[in-house]
Amino acid sequence: MWHWWHRFWRRWYPYMIYPPSPPLYHSQQQQTQQPTYPPYPYYPPPPLYPPPLTPEEELAMLEDYKKVLEEDLKEIQEEIQSIEKRINELREYLRKQGRQP
């Protein structure tokens, strides 16, 4: 009969000594002490361009792209020429006024 009590105390006695374990969740006070950061900004993913299926399609795509770049280059060169013309006009005006820079 004493074996039963002996087993009982051996099993339950260590649990009675220790205080109850703390709760598993964090208290509200601990959460407010942590610094808050703004949410990360949302950046949309880059557009997906499917690769050309054949070398012929890639060649056509590159030729079109080259044509667009040449048109842009022509417009930029015309803009540079008009700016150079305006610079020369202003220099001539200032030279005539006697206020040469």
Foldseek 3Di string as FASTA:
>chain_A
DVVVVVVVCVVCVVVVVDDDDDDPDDDPVVVVVDDDDDDDDDDDDDDDDDDDPDVVVVVVVVVVVVVVVVVVVVVVVVVVVVVVVVVVVVQVVCVVVVNHD
